[in-house]
Amino acid sequence: MKPRIHPVSHQVVFRDRAAGVAFLTRSTADADQCAEWEDGNSYPVIDVETSSASHPFYTGTNRVLDTAGRIEQFRRRYGTTAAAGH
């Protein structure tokens, strides 16, 4: 790596407000607030709305789309004559 061209990274706590979970990781982001971590040290804190702890894709609570129902709704609305013409 070339010296002096990369941003400085440091330990930062990312706190997910939706799930009530916090992660300590390295980041180049700065924060105005600080919080004490489990190891007794104080780290900058960045509050996030969504993380892997609360996002439906990672938690497995995402909605299952009713594709058969949507197809039937489309056919009722627009009819089947458009498909029969081709």
N, C-alpha and C. Protein backbone atom coordinates (compact mmCIF):
# COMPACT_ATOMS: atom_id res chain seq x y z
N MET A 1 0.83 -1.18 0.00
CA MET A 1 0.00 0.00 0.00
C MET A 1 0.88 1.25 0.00
N LYS A 2 0.41 2.26 -0.69
CA LYS A 2 1.15 3.51 -0.71
C LYS A 2 0.92 4.26 0.60
N PRO A 3 1.95 4.86 1.14
CA PRO A 3 1.77 5.60 2.40
C PRO A 3 1.03 6.92 2.19
N ARG A 4 0.26 7.33 3.19
CA ARG A 4 -0.41 8.63 3.28
C ARG A 4 -1.52 8.86 2.25
N ILE A 5 -2.03 7.83 1.58
CA ILE A 5 -3.14 8.06 0.66
C ILE A 5 -4.44 7.43 1.16
N HIS A 6 -4.35 6.59 2.17
CA HIS A 6 -5.53 5.92 2.70
C HIS A 6 -6.07 6.65 3.91
N PRO A 7 -7.39 6.71 4.07
CA PRO A 7 -7.96 7.37 5.25
C PRO A 7 -7.63 6.59 6.52
N VAL A 8 -7.57 7.30 7.61
CA VAL A 8 -7.24 6.68 8.89
C VAL A 8 -8.50 6.02 9.45
N SER A 9 -8.39 4.76 9.80
CA SER A 9 -9.52 4.07 10.40
C SER A 9 -9.26 3.88 11.89
N HIS A 10 -10.34 3.85 12.65
CA HIS A 10 -10.24 3.69 14.10
C HIS A 10 -11.45 2.91 14.59
N GLN A 11 -11.44 2.49 15.83
CA GLN A 11 -12.55 1.74 16.40
C GLN A 11 -13.76 2.65 16.58
N VAL A 12 -14.93 2.18 16.13
CA VAL A 12 -16.17 2.92 16.23
C VAL A 12 -17.28 1.95 16.63
N VAL A 13 -18.21 2.42 17.45
CA VAL A 13 -19.37 1.62 17.82
C VAL A 13 -20.53 2.06 16.94
N PHE A 14 -21.12 1.10 16.23
CA PHE A 14 -22.34 1.34 15.46
C PHE A 14 -23.49 0.78 16.27
N ARG A 15 -24.46 1.63 16.60
CA ARG A 15 -25.57 1.24 17.45
C ARG A 15 -26.85 1.22 16.62
N ASP A 16 -27.47 0.05 16.53
CA ASP A 16 -28.72 -0.13 15.79
C ASP A 16 -29.86 0.14 16.76
N ARG A 17 -30.58 1.25 16.54
CA ARG A 17 -31.66 1.64 17.43
C ARG A 17 -32.87 0.72 17.31
N ALA A 18 -33.13 0.17 16.13
CA ALA A 18 -34.31 -0.67 15.93
C ALA A 18 -34.17 -2.00 16.67
N ALA A 19 -32.97 -2.57 16.68
CA ALA A 19 -32.78 -3.89 17.30
C ALA A 19 -32.19 -3.79 18.69
N GLY A 20 -31.68 -2.63 19.06
CA GLY A 20 -31.06 -2.50 20.38
C GLY A 20 -29.73 -3.22 20.47
N VAL A 21 -29.00 -3.27 19.37
CA VAL A 21 -27.73 -3.98 19.29
C VAL A 21 -26.63 -3.00 18.93
N ALA A 22 -25.42 -3.24 19.42
CA ALA A 22 -24.28 -2.39 19.08
C ALA A 22 -23.14 -3.27 18.58
N PHE A 23 -22.37 -2.73 17.62
CA PHE A 23 -21.24 -3.44 17.03
C PHE A 23 -20.00 -2.57 17.17
N LEU A 24 -18.91 -3.15 17.60
CA LEU A 24 -17.63 -2.46 17.64
C LEU A 24 -16.83 -2.94 16.44
N THR A 25 -16.45 -1.98 15.58
CA THR A 25 -15.70 -2.33 14.37
C THR A 25 -14.82 -1.16 13.99
N ARG A 26 -14.01 -1.36 12.98
CA ARG A 26 -13.14 -0.29 12.49
C ARG A 26 -13.86 0.47 11.39
N SER A 27 -13.70 1.80 11.38
CA SER A 27 -14.34 2.63 10.37
C SER A 27 -13.57 3.93 10.23
N THR A 28 -13.78 4.59 9.11
CA THR A 28 -13.19 5.91 8.90
C THR A 28 -14.17 7.02 9.28
N ALA A 29 -15.39 6.64 9.66
CA ALA A 29 -16.42 7.61 10.02
C ALA A 29 -16.12 8.25 11.38
N ASP A 30 -16.46 9.53 11.51
CA ASP A 30 -16.30 10.24 12.77
C ASP A 30 -17.66 10.44 13.42
N ALA A 31 -17.65 10.57 14.74
CA ALA A 31 -18.89 10.79 15.48
C ALA A 31 -18.67 11.83 16.56
N ASP A 32 -19.75 12.53 16.89
CA ASP A 32 -19.68 13.54 17.95
C ASP A 32 -19.87 12.92 19.33
N GLN A 33 -20.62 11.84 19.40
CA GLN A 33 -20.90 11.20 20.68
C GLN A 33 -19.92 10.08 20.97
N CYS A 34 -19.71 9.80 22.25
CA CYS A 34 -18.87 8.69 22.67
C CYS A 34 -19.66 7.85 23.67
N ALA A 35 -19.33 6.56 23.72
CA ALA A 35 -19.97 5.66 24.66
C ALA A 35 -18.93 4.68 25.18
N GLU A 36 -19.18 4.20 26.39
CA GLU A 36 -18.26 3.22 26.97
C GLU A 36 -18.66 1.84 26.49
N TRP A 37 -17.69 1.09 26.03
CA TRP A 37 -17.91 -0.25 25.51
C TRP A 37 -17.70 -1.27 26.61
N GLU A 38 -17.95 -2.53 26.33
CA GLU A 38 -17.84 -3.61 27.31
C GLU A 38 -16.44 -3.77 27.88
N ASP A 39 -15.42 -3.36 27.13
CA ASP A 39 -14.05 -3.49 27.60
C ASP A 39 -13.62 -2.33 28.50
N GLY A 40 -14.52 -1.38 28.74
CA GLY A 40 -14.23 -0.25 29.61
C GLY A 40 -13.68 0.96 28.90
N ASN A 41 -13.37 0.85 27.62
CA ASN A 41 -12.85 1.98 26.84
C ASN A 41 -14.00 2.77 26.24
N SER A 42 -13.74 4.04 25.96
CA SER A 42 -14.73 4.91 25.35
C SER A 42 -14.45 5.01 23.85
N TYR A 43 -15.50 4.81 23.03
CA TYR A 43 -15.38 4.84 21.58
C TYR A 43 -16.43 5.79 21.00
N PRO A 44 -16.16 6.36 19.82
CA PRO A 44 -17.19 7.15 19.14
C PRO A 44 -18.38 6.26 18.77
N VAL A 45 -19.60 6.83 18.83
CA VAL A 45 -20.82 6.07 18.55
C VAL A 45 -21.55 6.69 17.36
N ILE A 46 -21.96 5.82 16.43
CA ILE A 46 -22.76 6.24 15.30
C ILE A 46 -24.06 5.44 15.36
N ASP A 47 -25.19 6.15 15.45
CA ASP A 47 -26.50 5.50 15.47
C ASP A 47 -26.97 5.25 14.05
N VAL A 48 -27.42 4.02 13.80
CA VAL A 48 -27.95 3.65 12.49
C VAL A 48 -29.38 3.16 12.65
N GLU A 49 -30.17 3.30 11.60
CA GLU A 49 -31.56 2.86 11.66
C GLU A 49 -31.71 1.37 11.36
N THR A 50 -30.86 0.85 10.50
CA THR A 50 -30.97 -0.54 10.10
C THR A 50 -29.58 -1.16 10.01
N SER A 51 -29.45 -2.37 10.50
CA SER A 51 -28.21 -3.13 10.36
C SER A 51 -28.60 -4.59 10.09
N SER A 52 -27.63 -5.46 10.07
CA SER A 52 -27.93 -6.87 9.84
C SER A 52 -28.76 -7.46 10.97
N ALA A 53 -28.78 -6.83 12.13
CA ALA A 53 -29.57 -7.33 13.25
C ALA A 53 -31.05 -6.99 13.11
N SER A 54 -31.39 -5.97 12.33
CA SER A 54 -32.80 -5.59 12.21
C SER A 54 -33.34 -5.62 10.79
N HIS A 55 -32.51 -5.79 9.78
CA HIS A 55 -32.98 -5.80 8.40
C HIS A 55 -33.72 -7.10 8.10
N PRO A 56 -34.90 -7.02 7.48
CA PRO A 56 -35.70 -8.22 7.23
C PRO A 56 -34.99 -9.28 6.39
N PHE A 57 -34.11 -8.88 5.50
CA PHE A 57 -33.41 -9.87 4.67
C PHE A 57 -32.53 -10.77 5.53
N TYR A 58 -31.84 -10.20 6.50
CA TYR A 58 -30.93 -10.97 7.35
C TYR A 58 -31.63 -11.67 8.50
N THR A 59 -32.74 -11.13 8.97
CA THR A 59 -33.45 -11.74 10.09
C THR A 59 -34.42 -12.82 9.65
N GLY A 60 -34.73 -12.87 8.37
CA GLY A 60 -35.65 -13.88 7.85
C GLY A 60 -37.10 -13.53 8.03
N THR A 61 -37.40 -12.28 8.33
CA THR A 61 -38.79 -11.87 8.52
C THR A 61 -39.32 -11.09 7.34
N ASN A 62 -38.68 -11.24 6.18
CA ASN A 62 -39.15 -10.49 5.01
C ASN A 62 -40.48 -11.06 4.52
N ARG A 63 -41.25 -10.22 3.87
CA ARG A 63 -42.56 -10.61 3.38
C ARG A 63 -42.44 -11.58 2.23
N VAL A 64 -43.34 -12.53 2.21
CA VAL A 64 -43.42 -13.46 1.08
C VAL A 64 -44.52 -12.94 0.17
N LEU A 65 -44.16 -12.67 -1.07
CA LEU A 65 -45.14 -12.15 -2.01
C LEU A 65 -46.02 -13.26 -2.53
N ASP A 66 -47.28 -12.98 -2.63
CA ASP A 66 -48.25 -13.93 -3.15
C ASP A 66 -48.29 -13.76 -4.67
N THR A 67 -47.37 -14.43 -5.35
CA THR A 67 -47.28 -14.23 -6.80
C THR A 67 -48.49 -14.79 -7.52
N ALA A 68 -49.05 -15.89 -7.06
CA ALA A 68 -50.23 -16.45 -7.71
C ALA A 68 -51.39 -15.48 -7.57
N GLY A 69 -51.55 -14.88 -6.40
CA GLY A 69 -52.61 -13.90 -6.20
C GLY A 69 -52.43 -12.68 -7.06
N ARG A 70 -51.21 -12.26 -7.27
CA ARG A 70 -50.95 -11.09 -8.11
C ARG A 70 -51.27 -11.38 -9.57
N ILE A 71 -50.96 -12.59 -10.01
CA ILE A 71 -51.26 -12.96 -11.40
C ILE A 71 -52.77 -12.99 -11.62
N GLU A 72 -53.49 -13.56 -10.67
CA GLU A 72 -54.95 -13.60 -10.78
C GLU A 72 -55.54 -12.20 -10.74
N GLN A 73 -55.00 -11.34 -9.92
CA GLN A 73 -55.47 -9.95 -9.85
C GLN A 73 -55.23 -9.25 -11.19
N PHE A 74 -54.07 -9.49 -11.80
CA PHE A 74 -53.76 -8.91 -13.10
C PHE A 74 -54.75 -9.40 -14.15
N ARG A 75 -55.04 -10.70 -14.16
CA ARG A 75 -55.96 -11.26 -15.15
C ARG A 75 -57.38 -10.73 -14.96
N ARG A 76 -57.81 -10.55 -13.71
CA ARG A 76 -59.14 -9.98 -13.47
C ARG A 76 -59.21 -8.54 -13.93
N ARG A 77 -58.14 -7.81 -13.71
CA ARG A 77 -58.15 -6.39 -14.06
C ARG A 77 -58.06 -6.17 -15.56
N TYR A 78 -57.15 -6.89 -16.21
CA TYR A 78 -56.91 -6.65 -17.63
C TYR A 78 -57.45 -7.74 -18.55
N GLY A 79 -57.93 -8.81 -18.00
CA GLY A 79 -58.50 -9.89 -18.80
C GLY A 79 -57.42 -10.75 -19.42
N THR A 80 -57.82 -11.84 -20.02
CA THR A 80 -56.87 -12.75 -20.65
C THR A 80 -56.83 -12.60 -22.16
N THR A 81 -57.59 -11.67 -22.71
CA THR A 81 -57.65 -11.51 -24.16
C THR A 81 -56.35 -10.97 -24.73
N ALA A 82 -55.59 -10.20 -23.96
CA ALA A 82 -54.33 -9.67 -24.44
C ALA A 82 -53.32 -10.78 -24.68
N ALA A 83 -53.33 -11.80 -23.83
CA ALA A 83 -52.41 -12.92 -23.98
C ALA A 83 -52.85 -13.85 -25.10
N ALA A 84 -54.14 -13.97 -25.34
CA ALA A 84 -54.66 -14.88 -26.37
C ALA A 84 -54.40 -14.35 -27.77
N GLY A 85 -54.21 -13.05 -27.93
CA GLY A 85 -53.99 -12.46 -29.25
C GLY A 85 -52.63 -12.75 -29.83
N HIS A 86 -51.69 -13.17 -29.04
CA HIS A 86 -50.33 -13.44 -29.55
C HIS A 86 -50.12 -14.85 -29.92
